[in-house]
Amino acid sequence: MDEQINEEAAKEAAKRTVTMKGRPMTLAGDEIKPGMPAPDFKVIDNNMTPMKFLRTYNGKVVVISSLPSLDTSVCDLQTRRFNKEAESLDPDISVITISMDLPFAQKRWCGTAGVTRVQTFSDYQKGDFGKAWGVLIKDLRLLARAVFIVDREGVVRYAQLVPEVGQEPNYDEALAALKNIAG
């Protein structure tokens, strides 16, 4: 009996989690770490067109900003910040934001916010990105807040999972990593 309890406790401890307002939330998928090949995924752009990641961004440096919803204050700040930073980046560097928001809502939000340099994509259909990159919050079917950077060879070179969904990522750390990766 004690062995079964210890085994269940070990399984529970092995689950990957983030918190939302202090409440633990379980993440689906495996953790993505620097040095791993970037997993492919399919999401939908603002015009309802499917986008396959590896085919679309092959040979480019890509910053992937993952967040729960553009219609929340922290997600709004995060996307606006990356848009501002992207304006001074080499055009060969792509910055994308992925959320579970519907494409129509993303398009409306971008227009209202004046976001033109960051491309937004929706993972609402199958959670393909969230599962492949280990950031799908099972309990809510939202994406966790994270920042990934993929190099020109399709290798993940930077990964930051924000432990508390309501907090912003460490922009300085991500941007310093981008500078090193983009050369």
N, C-alpha and C. Protein backbone atom coordinates (compact mmCIF):
# COMPACT_ATOMS: atom_id res chain seq x y z
N MET A 1 0.83 -1.20 0.00
CA MET A 1 0.00 0.00 0.00
C MET A 1 0.87 1.26 0.00
N ASP A 2 1.90 1.29 0.86
CA ASP A 2 2.80 2.45 0.92
C ASP A 2 3.52 2.64 -0.40
N GLU A 3 3.87 1.53 -1.05
CA GLU A 3 4.57 1.59 -2.34
C GLU A 3 3.68 2.25 -3.40
N GLN A 4 2.39 1.91 -3.40
CA GLN A 4 1.45 2.50 -4.35
C GLN A 4 1.29 3.99 -4.09
N ILE A 5 1.23 4.40 -2.85
CA ILE A 5 1.12 5.82 -2.49
C ILE A 5 2.36 6.57 -2.95
N ASN A 6 3.55 6.01 -2.72
CA ASN A 6 4.80 6.64 -3.14
C ASN A 6 4.88 6.76 -4.66
N GLU A 7 4.40 5.73 -5.36
CA GLU A 7 4.41 5.75 -6.82
C GLU A 7 3.48 6.86 -7.35
N GLU A 8 2.30 6.99 -6.75
CA GLU A 8 1.37 8.04 -7.15
C GLU A 8 1.93 9.42 -6.84
N ALA A 9 2.61 9.56 -5.71
CA ALA A 9 3.23 10.84 -5.35
C ALA A 9 4.33 11.20 -6.34
N ALA A 10 5.10 10.20 -6.78
CA ALA A 10 6.17 10.44 -7.75
C ALA A 10 5.58 10.87 -9.09
N LYS A 11 4.48 10.24 -9.52
CA LYS A 11 3.83 10.62 -10.76
C LYS A 11 3.31 12.05 -10.68
N GLU A 12 2.72 12.40 -9.55
CA GLU A 12 2.19 13.75 -9.36
C GLU A 12 3.32 14.78 -9.41
N ALA A 13 4.44 14.47 -8.77
CA ALA A 13 5.59 15.39 -8.75
C ALA A 13 6.20 15.56 -10.13
N ALA A 14 6.08 14.51 -10.98
CA ALA A 14 6.67 14.56 -12.31
C ALA A 14 5.85 15.43 -13.27
N LYS A 15 4.61 15.73 -12.92
CA LYS A 15 3.80 16.57 -13.79
C LYS A 15 4.39 17.96 -13.87
N ARG A 16 4.38 18.48 -15.07
CA ARG A 16 4.85 19.85 -15.26
C ARG A 16 3.70 20.80 -14.98
N THR A 17 3.99 21.87 -14.24
CA THR A 17 2.93 22.81 -13.89
C THR A 17 3.40 24.25 -14.00
N VAL A 18 2.42 25.13 -14.09
CA VAL A 18 2.59 26.57 -13.90
C VAL A 18 1.50 26.94 -12.89
N THR A 19 1.54 28.17 -12.41
CA THR A 19 0.46 28.60 -11.53
C THR A 19 -0.30 29.75 -12.18
N MET A 20 -1.56 29.84 -11.83
CA MET A 20 -2.40 30.96 -12.25
C MET A 20 -3.03 31.48 -10.97
N LYS A 21 -2.61 32.70 -10.59
CA LYS A 21 -3.05 33.29 -9.32
C LYS A 21 -2.75 32.35 -8.17
N GLY A 22 -1.58 31.70 -8.26
CA GLY A 22 -1.12 30.81 -7.21
C GLY A 22 -1.64 29.38 -7.28
N ARG A 23 -2.61 29.12 -8.13
CA ARG A 23 -3.17 27.77 -8.27
C ARG A 23 -2.37 26.96 -9.28
N PRO A 24 -1.89 25.78 -8.90
CA PRO A 24 -1.14 24.94 -9.85
C PRO A 24 -2.02 24.46 -11.00
N MET A 25 -1.45 24.53 -12.20
CA MET A 25 -2.12 24.09 -13.42
C MET A 25 -1.18 23.15 -14.17
N THR A 26 -1.68 22.00 -14.56
CA THR A 26 -0.88 20.99 -15.24
C THR A 26 -0.72 21.31 -16.72
N LEU A 27 0.49 21.12 -17.22
CA LEU A 27 0.80 21.35 -18.63
C LEU A 27 0.79 20.03 -19.39
N ALA A 28 0.25 20.05 -20.58
CA ALA A 28 0.27 18.88 -21.47
C ALA A 28 1.50 18.97 -22.36
N GLY A 29 2.04 17.84 -22.69
CA GLY A 29 3.20 17.80 -23.59
C GLY A 29 4.50 17.79 -22.82
N ASP A 30 5.56 17.52 -23.56
CA ASP A 30 6.89 17.45 -22.96
C ASP A 30 7.56 18.81 -22.94
N GLU A 31 8.45 18.99 -22.01
CA GLU A 31 9.20 20.24 -21.89
C GLU A 31 10.13 20.40 -23.09
N ILE A 32 10.15 21.60 -23.64
CA ILE A 32 11.07 21.92 -24.72
C ILE A 32 12.29 22.60 -24.12
N LYS A 33 13.46 22.08 -24.46
CA LYS A 33 14.71 22.61 -23.91
C LYS A 33 15.64 23.06 -25.03
N PRO A 34 16.50 24.04 -24.73
CA PRO A 34 17.49 24.45 -25.72
C PRO A 34 18.31 23.26 -26.21
N GLY A 35 18.57 23.26 -27.52
CA GLY A 35 19.33 22.17 -28.14
C GLY A 35 18.44 21.16 -28.84
N MET A 36 17.14 21.18 -28.53
CA MET A 36 16.20 20.25 -29.16
C MET A 36 15.77 20.78 -30.53
N PRO A 37 15.47 19.88 -31.48
CA PRO A 37 14.89 20.34 -32.74
C PRO A 37 13.52 20.95 -32.45
N ALA A 38 13.19 22.02 -33.14
CA ALA A 38 11.89 22.66 -32.95
C ALA A 38 10.79 21.74 -33.44
N PRO A 39 9.83 21.41 -32.57
CA PRO A 39 8.71 20.57 -33.02
C PRO A 39 7.84 21.33 -34.02
N ASP A 40 7.36 20.64 -35.02
CA ASP A 40 6.46 21.27 -35.98
C ASP A 40 5.06 21.37 -35.37
N PHE A 41 4.28 22.27 -35.89
CA PHE A 41 2.90 22.43 -35.44
C PHE A 41 2.13 23.18 -36.50
N LYS A 42 0.80 23.08 -36.40
CA LYS A 42 -0.08 23.80 -37.31
C LYS A 42 -0.99 24.71 -36.48
N VAL A 43 -1.04 25.98 -36.87
CA VAL A 43 -1.92 26.97 -36.26
C VAL A 43 -2.64 27.72 -37.38
N ILE A 44 -3.52 28.64 -37.00
CA ILE A 44 -4.32 29.38 -37.97
C ILE A 44 -3.95 30.86 -37.91
N ASP A 45 -3.76 31.48 -39.09
CA ASP A 45 -3.43 32.91 -39.09
C ASP A 45 -4.71 33.75 -39.01
N ASN A 46 -4.57 35.05 -39.02
CA ASN A 46 -5.71 35.96 -38.84
C ASN A 46 -6.70 35.94 -39.99
N ASN A 47 -6.34 35.30 -41.10
CA ASN A 47 -7.25 35.18 -42.24
C ASN A 47 -7.81 33.77 -42.37
N MET A 48 -7.70 33.00 -41.27
CA MET A 48 -8.21 31.62 -41.20
C MET A 48 -7.45 30.64 -42.11
N THR A 49 -6.20 30.97 -42.42
CA THR A 49 -5.35 30.12 -43.24
C THR A 49 -4.43 29.30 -42.34
N PRO A 50 -4.38 27.99 -42.52
CA PRO A 50 -3.46 27.17 -41.72
C PRO A 50 -2.00 27.52 -42.01
N MET A 51 -1.18 27.44 -40.99
CA MET A 51 0.26 27.71 -41.11
C MET A 51 1.02 26.55 -40.46
N LYS A 52 1.91 25.93 -41.24
CA LYS A 52 2.80 24.89 -40.70
C LYS A 52 4.12 25.59 -40.37
N PHE A 53 4.54 25.47 -39.12
CA PHE A 53 5.68 26.22 -38.61
C PHE A 53 6.97 25.97 -39.39
N LEU A 54 7.41 24.72 -39.46
CA LEU A 54 8.72 24.44 -40.07
C LEU A 54 8.77 24.82 -41.54
N ARG A 55 7.69 24.63 -42.25
CA ARG A 55 7.66 24.99 -43.67
C ARG A 55 7.70 26.52 -43.83
N THR A 56 6.97 27.23 -42.99
CA THR A 56 6.85 28.69 -43.11
C THR A 56 8.12 29.41 -42.67
N TYR A 57 8.75 28.93 -41.62
CA TYR A 57 9.88 29.67 -41.02
C TYR A 57 11.23 28.99 -41.22
N ASN A 58 11.31 28.06 -42.15
CA ASN A 58 12.57 27.38 -42.45
C ASN A 58 13.66 28.40 -42.80
N GLY A 59 14.80 28.30 -42.14
CA GLY A 59 15.93 29.17 -42.43
C GLY A 59 15.88 30.53 -41.76
N LYS A 60 14.90 30.77 -40.90
CA LYS A 60 14.78 32.06 -40.20
C LYS A 60 14.97 31.89 -38.71
N VAL A 61 15.41 32.94 -38.07
CA VAL A 61 15.40 33.00 -36.61
C VAL A 61 13.99 33.42 -36.23
N VAL A 62 13.38 32.70 -35.28
CA VAL A 62 12.01 32.98 -34.90
C VAL A 62 11.89 33.09 -33.38
N VAL A 63 11.26 34.17 -32.94
CA VAL A 63 10.89 34.33 -31.54
C VAL A 63 9.43 33.92 -31.45
N ILE A 64 9.13 32.95 -30.59
CA ILE A 64 7.76 32.51 -30.37
C ILE A 64 7.33 32.97 -28.99
N SER A 65 6.31 33.80 -28.96
CA SER A 65 5.74 34.29 -27.71
C SER A 65 4.40 33.58 -27.51
N SER A 66 4.33 32.77 -26.47
CA SER A 66 3.12 32.01 -26.16
C SER A 66 2.41 32.69 -25.00
N LEU A 67 1.08 32.80 -25.10
CA LEU A 67 0.33 33.46 -24.03
C LEU A 67 -1.13 33.01 -24.02
N PRO A 68 -1.82 33.22 -22.88
CA PRO A 68 -3.21 32.76 -22.78
C PRO A 68 -4.20 33.51 -23.68
N SER A 69 -4.23 34.85 -23.62
CA SER A 69 -5.20 35.61 -24.40
C SER A 69 -4.76 37.06 -24.56
N LEU A 70 -4.80 37.55 -25.78
CA LEU A 70 -4.43 38.94 -26.05
C LEU A 70 -5.33 39.93 -25.32
N ASP A 71 -6.51 39.51 -24.93
CA ASP A 71 -7.46 40.39 -24.26
C ASP A 71 -7.24 40.48 -22.75
N THR A 72 -6.07 40.12 -22.28
CA THR A 72 -5.73 40.30 -20.87
C THR A 72 -4.55 41.27 -20.78
N SER A 73 -4.44 41.94 -19.66
CA SER A 73 -3.46 43.03 -19.55
C SER A 73 -2.02 42.57 -19.73
N VAL A 74 -1.62 41.48 -19.13
CA VAL A 74 -0.23 41.03 -19.23
C VAL A 74 0.09 40.54 -20.64
N CYS A 75 -0.85 39.85 -21.27
CA CYS A 75 -0.65 39.38 -22.64
C CYS A 75 -0.58 40.56 -23.61
N ASP A 76 -1.39 41.56 -23.36
CA ASP A 76 -1.38 42.79 -24.14
C ASP A 76 0.00 43.44 -24.03
N LEU A 77 0.50 43.58 -22.80
CA LEU A 77 1.82 44.19 -22.58
C LEU A 77 2.92 43.39 -23.27
N GLN A 78 2.86 42.07 -23.14
CA GLN A 78 3.89 41.20 -23.72
C GLN A 78 3.93 41.35 -25.23
N THR A 79 2.79 41.34 -25.87
CA THR A 79 2.75 41.40 -27.33
C THR A 79 3.16 42.78 -27.82
N ARG A 80 2.71 43.82 -27.14
CA ARG A 80 3.13 45.18 -27.51
C ARG A 80 4.63 45.35 -27.34
N ARG A 81 5.19 44.79 -26.28
CA ARG A 81 6.63 44.90 -26.04
C ARG A 81 7.42 44.20 -27.15
N PHE A 82 7.01 42.98 -27.50
CA PHE A 82 7.72 42.28 -28.57
C PHE A 82 7.53 42.98 -29.92
N ASN A 83 6.38 43.59 -30.15
CA ASN A 83 6.17 44.35 -31.38
C ASN A 83 7.14 45.53 -31.43
N LYS A 84 7.27 46.24 -30.31
CA LYS A 84 8.19 47.39 -30.24
C LYS A 84 9.63 46.95 -30.50
N GLU A 85 10.04 45.86 -29.86
CA GLU A 85 11.40 45.34 -30.05
C GLU A 85 11.60 44.87 -31.49
N ALA A 86 10.58 44.25 -32.07
CA ALA A 86 10.69 43.71 -33.43
C ALA A 86 10.91 44.80 -34.47
N GLU A 87 10.42 46.00 -34.19
CA GLU A 87 10.58 47.10 -35.13
C GLU A 87 12.04 47.42 -35.42
N SER A 88 12.93 47.14 -34.46
CA SER A 88 14.34 47.44 -34.65
C SER A 88 15.17 46.20 -35.02
N LEU A 89 14.51 45.07 -35.20
CA LEU A 89 15.22 43.85 -35.55
C LEU A 89 15.40 43.73 -37.06
N ASP A 90 16.38 42.95 -37.44
CA ASP A 90 16.58 42.61 -38.84
C ASP A 90 15.28 41.99 -39.37
N PRO A 91 14.84 42.37 -40.56
CA PRO A 91 13.59 41.81 -41.10
C PRO A 91 13.63 40.29 -41.29
N ASP A 92 14.82 39.72 -41.26
CA ASP A 92 14.97 38.27 -41.39
C ASP A 92 14.59 37.54 -40.10
N ILE A 93 14.41 38.28 -39.01
CA ILE A 93 14.00 37.69 -37.73
C ILE A 93 12.49 37.84 -37.61
N SER A 94 11.82 36.72 -37.40
CA SER A 94 10.36 36.74 -37.26
C SER A 94 9.98 36.66 -35.79
N VAL A 95 8.96 37.42 -35.43
CA VAL A 95 8.42 37.37 -34.07
C VAL A 95 6.95 37.01 -34.21
N ILE A 96 6.56 35.89 -33.58
CA ILE A 96 5.18 35.45 -33.65
C ILE A 96 4.61 35.28 -32.24
N THR A 97 3.33 35.53 -32.13
CA THR A 97 2.61 35.32 -30.87
C THR A 97 1.53 34.29 -31.14
N ILE A 98 1.44 33.32 -30.24
CA ILE A 98 0.44 32.26 -30.38
C ILE A 98 -0.42 32.23 -29.12
N SER A 99 -1.73 32.22 -29.32
CA SER A 99 -2.68 32.10 -28.21
C SER A 99 -3.85 31.24 -28.66
N MET A 100 -4.78 31.03 -27.76
CA MET A 100 -6.00 30.29 -28.09
C MET A 100 -7.11 31.22 -28.57
N ASP A 101 -6.83 32.52 -28.63
CA ASP A 101 -7.83 33.46 -29.12
C ASP A 101 -8.25 33.08 -30.54
N LEU A 102 -9.49 33.34 -30.88
CA LEU A 102 -9.93 33.10 -32.26
C LEU A 102 -9.20 34.05 -33.20
N PRO A 103 -8.95 33.65 -34.43
CA PRO A 103 -8.26 34.51 -35.38
C PRO A 103 -8.92 35.88 -35.56
N PHE A 104 -10.26 35.91 -35.51
CA PHE A 104 -10.98 37.18 -35.66
C PHE A 104 -10.64 38.14 -34.52
N ALA A 105 -10.57 37.59 -33.31
CA ALA A 105 -10.23 38.41 -32.13
C ALA A 105 -8.79 38.89 -32.23
N GLN A 106 -7.89 38.03 -32.69
CA GLN A 106 -6.50 38.43 -32.83
C GLN A 106 -6.36 39.56 -33.84
N LYS A 107 -7.05 39.44 -34.97
CA LYS A 107 -6.99 40.45 -36.00
C LYS A 107 -7.53 41.79 -35.47
N ARG A 108 -8.65 41.73 -34.76
CA ARG A 108 -9.22 42.94 -34.17
C ARG A 108 -8.25 43.56 -33.17
N TRP A 109 -7.68 42.73 -32.30
CA TRP A 109 -6.76 43.22 -31.28
C TRP A 109 -5.54 43.88 -31.93
N CYS A 110 -4.94 43.24 -32.93
CA CYS A 110 -3.77 43.80 -33.61
C CYS A 110 -4.09 45.15 -34.23
N GLY A 111 -5.26 45.27 -34.86
CA GLY A 111 -5.66 46.53 -35.46
C GLY A 111 -5.82 47.63 -34.42
N THR A 112 -6.46 47.31 -33.32
CA THR A 112 -6.68 48.28 -32.25
C THR A 112 -5.36 48.67 -31.58
N ALA A 113 -4.47 47.70 -31.38
CA ALA A 113 -3.21 47.93 -30.68
C ALA A 113 -2.13 48.50 -31.59
N GLY A 114 -2.35 48.49 -32.90
CA GLY A 114 -1.32 48.97 -33.82
C GLY A 114 -0.15 48.03 -33.95
N VAL A 115 -0.38 46.75 -33.69
CA VAL A 115 0.68 45.73 -33.78
C VAL A 115 0.80 45.29 -35.23
N THR A 116 1.94 45.59 -35.83
CA THR A 116 2.16 45.27 -37.24
C THR A 116 3.38 44.39 -37.48
N ARG A 117 4.32 44.36 -36.57
CA ARG A 117 5.57 43.61 -36.78
C ARG A 117 5.49 42.19 -36.23
N VAL A 118 4.63 41.98 -35.23
CA VAL A 118 4.43 40.64 -34.67
C VAL A 118 3.27 39.99 -35.41
N GLN A 119 3.45 38.76 -35.85
CA GLN A 119 2.35 38.01 -36.46
C GLN A 119 1.68 37.19 -35.37
N THR A 120 0.35 37.21 -35.35
CA THR A 120 -0.38 36.42 -34.36
C THR A 120 -1.01 35.21 -35.03
N PHE A 121 -1.00 34.10 -34.29
CA PHE A 121 -1.56 32.85 -34.76
C PHE A 121 -2.42 32.24 -33.66
N SER A 122 -3.46 31.53 -34.08
CA SER A 122 -4.38 30.90 -33.14
C SER A 122 -4.17 29.39 -33.10
N ASP A 123 -4.16 28.87 -31.88
CA ASP A 123 -4.02 27.43 -31.65
C ASP A 123 -5.36 26.83 -31.21
N TYR A 124 -6.46 27.54 -31.51
CA TYR A 124 -7.76 27.18 -30.97
C TYR A 124 -8.30 25.84 -31.47
N GLN A 125 -7.92 25.42 -32.66
CA GLN A 125 -8.55 24.23 -33.23
C GLN A 125 -8.18 22.94 -32.49
N LYS A 126 -6.90 22.64 -32.45
CA LYS A 126 -6.48 21.36 -31.87
C LYS A 126 -5.47 21.49 -30.75
N GLY A 127 -5.04 22.71 -30.46
CA GLY A 127 -4.00 22.87 -29.44
C GLY A 127 -2.69 22.24 -29.89
N ASP A 128 -2.47 22.21 -31.19
CA ASP A 128 -1.30 21.54 -31.77
C ASP A 128 0.01 22.13 -31.25
N PHE A 129 0.12 23.45 -31.26
CA PHE A 129 1.32 24.10 -30.74
C PHE A 129 1.46 23.82 -29.25
N GLY A 130 0.40 24.04 -28.50
CA GLY A 130 0.45 23.86 -27.05
C GLY A 130 0.92 22.48 -26.63
N LYS A 131 0.42 21.45 -27.30
CA LYS A 131 0.82 20.08 -26.99
C LYS A 131 2.26 19.81 -27.44
N ALA A 132 2.60 20.23 -28.66
CA ALA A 132 3.94 19.96 -29.22
C ALA A 132 5.04 20.66 -28.44
N TRP A 133 4.73 21.85 -27.90
CA TRP A 133 5.74 22.64 -27.20
C TRP A 133 5.58 22.59 -25.68
N GLY A 134 4.65 21.77 -25.20
CA GLY A 134 4.50 21.56 -23.76
C GLY A 134 3.98 22.74 -22.97
N VAL A 135 3.15 23.58 -23.60
CA VAL A 135 2.64 24.77 -22.92
C VAL A 135 1.11 24.82 -22.86
N LEU A 136 0.44 23.73 -23.17
CA LEU A 136 -1.01 23.70 -23.10
C LEU A 136 -1.42 23.46 -21.65
N ILE A 137 -2.14 24.41 -21.07
CA ILE A 137 -2.65 24.26 -19.71
C ILE A 137 -3.89 23.37 -19.80
N LYS A 138 -3.76 22.13 -19.35
CA LYS A 138 -4.84 21.15 -19.48
C LYS A 138 -6.13 21.63 -18.84
N ASP A 139 -6.02 22.16 -17.63
CA ASP A 139 -7.19 22.53 -16.85
C ASP A 139 -8.05 23.61 -17.52
N LEU A 140 -7.42 24.48 -18.30
CA LEU A 140 -8.12 25.63 -18.88
C LEU A 140 -8.18 25.63 -20.40
N ARG A 141 -7.41 24.75 -21.02
CA ARG A 141 -7.24 24.74 -22.48
C ARG A 141 -6.81 26.11 -23.00
N LEU A 142 -5.85 26.68 -22.29
CA LEU A 142 -5.19 27.92 -22.67
C LEU A 142 -3.70 27.61 -22.76
N LEU A 143 -2.95 28.53 -23.35
CA LEU A 143 -1.50 28.36 -23.43
C LEU A 143 -0.85 29.05 -22.25
N ALA A 144 0.22 28.44 -21.75
CA ALA A 144 1.02 29.06 -20.71
C ALA A 144 1.85 30.18 -21.33
N ARG A 145 2.32 31.08 -20.48
CA ARG A 145 3.17 32.18 -20.93
C ARG A 145 4.59 31.64 -21.07
N ALA A 146 5.14 31.79 -22.28
CA ALA A 146 6.49 31.29 -22.55
C ALA A 146 7.09 32.06 -23.71
N VAL A 147 8.42 31.99 -23.80
CA VAL A 147 9.14 32.58 -24.93
C VAL A 147 10.16 31.54 -25.39
N PHE A 148 10.16 31.29 -26.68
CA PHE A 148 11.11 30.37 -27.30
C PHE A 148 11.82 31.10 -28.43
N ILE A 149 13.07 30.73 -28.67
CA ILE A 149 13.77 31.25 -29.84
C ILE A 149 14.35 30.07 -30.60
N VAL A 150 14.05 30.04 -31.90
CA VAL A 150 14.50 28.97 -32.79
C VAL A 150 15.50 29.58 -33.77
N ASP A 151 16.62 28.88 -33.97
CA ASP A 151 17.64 29.40 -34.89
C ASP A 151 17.34 29.03 -36.34
N ARG A 152 18.20 29.45 -37.23
CA ARG A 152 18.00 29.24 -38.67
C ARG A 152 18.01 27.77 -39.08
N GLU A 153 18.61 26.93 -38.25
CA GLU A 153 18.66 25.49 -38.53
C GLU A 153 17.47 24.74 -37.94
N GLY A 154 16.54 25.47 -37.30
CA GLY A 154 15.37 24.82 -36.73
C GLY A 154 15.60 24.20 -35.37
N VAL A 155 16.60 24.72 -34.65
CA VAL A 155 16.92 24.21 -33.32
C VAL A 155 16.48 25.23 -32.28
N VAL A 156 15.84 24.76 -31.22
CA VAL A 156 15.45 25.64 -30.12
C VAL A 156 16.73 26.06 -29.39
N ARG A 157 16.97 27.35 -29.30
CA ARG A 157 18.18 27.86 -28.64
C ARG A 157 17.87 28.56 -27.32
N TYR A 158 16.60 28.86 -27.10
CA TYR A 158 16.21 29.55 -25.86
C TYR A 158 14.79 29.13 -25.51
N ALA A 159 14.56 28.88 -24.22
CA ALA A 159 13.22 28.52 -23.74
C ALA A 159 13.01 29.12 -22.36
N GLN A 160 11.93 29.88 -22.24
CA GLN A 160 11.57 30.48 -20.95
C GLN A 160 10.09 30.22 -20.70
N LEU A 161 9.81 29.37 -19.73
CA LEU A 161 8.44 29.13 -19.29
C LEU A 161 8.23 29.98 -18.05
N VAL A 162 7.28 30.91 -18.10
CA VAL A 162 7.02 31.79 -16.96
C VAL A 162 6.22 30.99 -15.93
N PRO A 163 6.74 30.83 -14.71
CA PRO A 163 6.10 29.96 -13.72
C PRO A 163 4.69 30.42 -13.29
N GLU A 164 4.48 31.73 -13.22
CA GLU A 164 3.16 32.29 -12.85
C GLU A 164 2.59 32.96 -14.08
N VAL A 165 1.48 32.45 -14.57
CA VAL A 165 0.88 32.91 -15.82
C VAL A 165 0.60 34.41 -15.80
N GLY A 166 0.31 34.97 -14.65
CA GLY A 166 -0.02 36.38 -14.54
C GLY A 166 1.17 37.32 -14.55
N GLN A 167 2.39 36.78 -14.68
CA GLN A 167 3.59 37.62 -14.70
C GLN A 167 4.16 37.70 -16.10
N GLU A 168 4.85 38.80 -16.38
CA GLU A 168 5.50 38.98 -17.68
C GLU A 168 6.77 38.14 -17.75
N PRO A 169 7.18 37.81 -18.97
CA PRO A 169 8.46 37.09 -19.12
C PRO A 169 9.63 38.04 -18.84
N ASN A 170 10.80 37.47 -18.73
CA ASN A 170 12.03 38.26 -18.57
C ASN A 170 12.47 38.68 -19.97
N TYR A 171 12.03 39.87 -20.37
CA TYR A 171 12.32 40.37 -21.72
C TYR A 171 13.81 40.55 -21.95
N ASP A 172 14.52 41.12 -20.96
CA ASP A 172 15.95 41.38 -21.12
C ASP A 172 16.71 40.10 -21.41
N GLU A 173 16.38 39.05 -20.68
CA GLU A 173 17.05 37.76 -20.88
C GLU A 173 16.76 37.21 -22.28
N ALA A 174 15.48 37.28 -22.69
CA ALA A 174 15.11 36.76 -24.01
C ALA A 174 15.77 37.57 -25.12
N LEU A 175 15.79 38.88 -24.98
CA LEU A 175 16.37 39.73 -26.02
C LEU A 175 17.88 39.57 -26.10
N ALA A 176 18.54 39.36 -24.96
CA ALA A 176 19.99 39.10 -24.96
C ALA A 176 20.26 37.77 -25.67
N ALA A 177 19.43 36.78 -25.39
CA ALA A 177 19.59 35.48 -26.07
C ALA A 177 19.38 35.63 -27.57
N LEU A 178 18.39 36.42 -27.96
CA LEU A 178 18.12 36.65 -29.39
C LEU A 178 19.32 37.30 -30.06
N LYS A 179 19.91 38.26 -29.40
CA LYS A 179 21.09 38.94 -29.96
C LYS A 179 22.22 37.94 -30.22
N ASN A 180 22.45 37.04 -29.28
CA ASN A 180 23.49 36.01 -29.44
C ASN A 180 23.15 35.02 -30.54
N ILE A 181 21.89 34.64 -30.62
CA ILE A 181 21.46 33.63 -31.59
C ILE A 181 21.46 34.19 -33.02
N ALA A 182 20.98 35.43 -33.16
CA ALA A 182 20.87 36.04 -34.48
C ALA A 182 22.22 36.50 -35.01
N GLY A 183 23.15 36.69 -34.09
CA GLY A 183 24.50 37.08 -34.48
C GLY A 183 24.54 38.46 -34.95
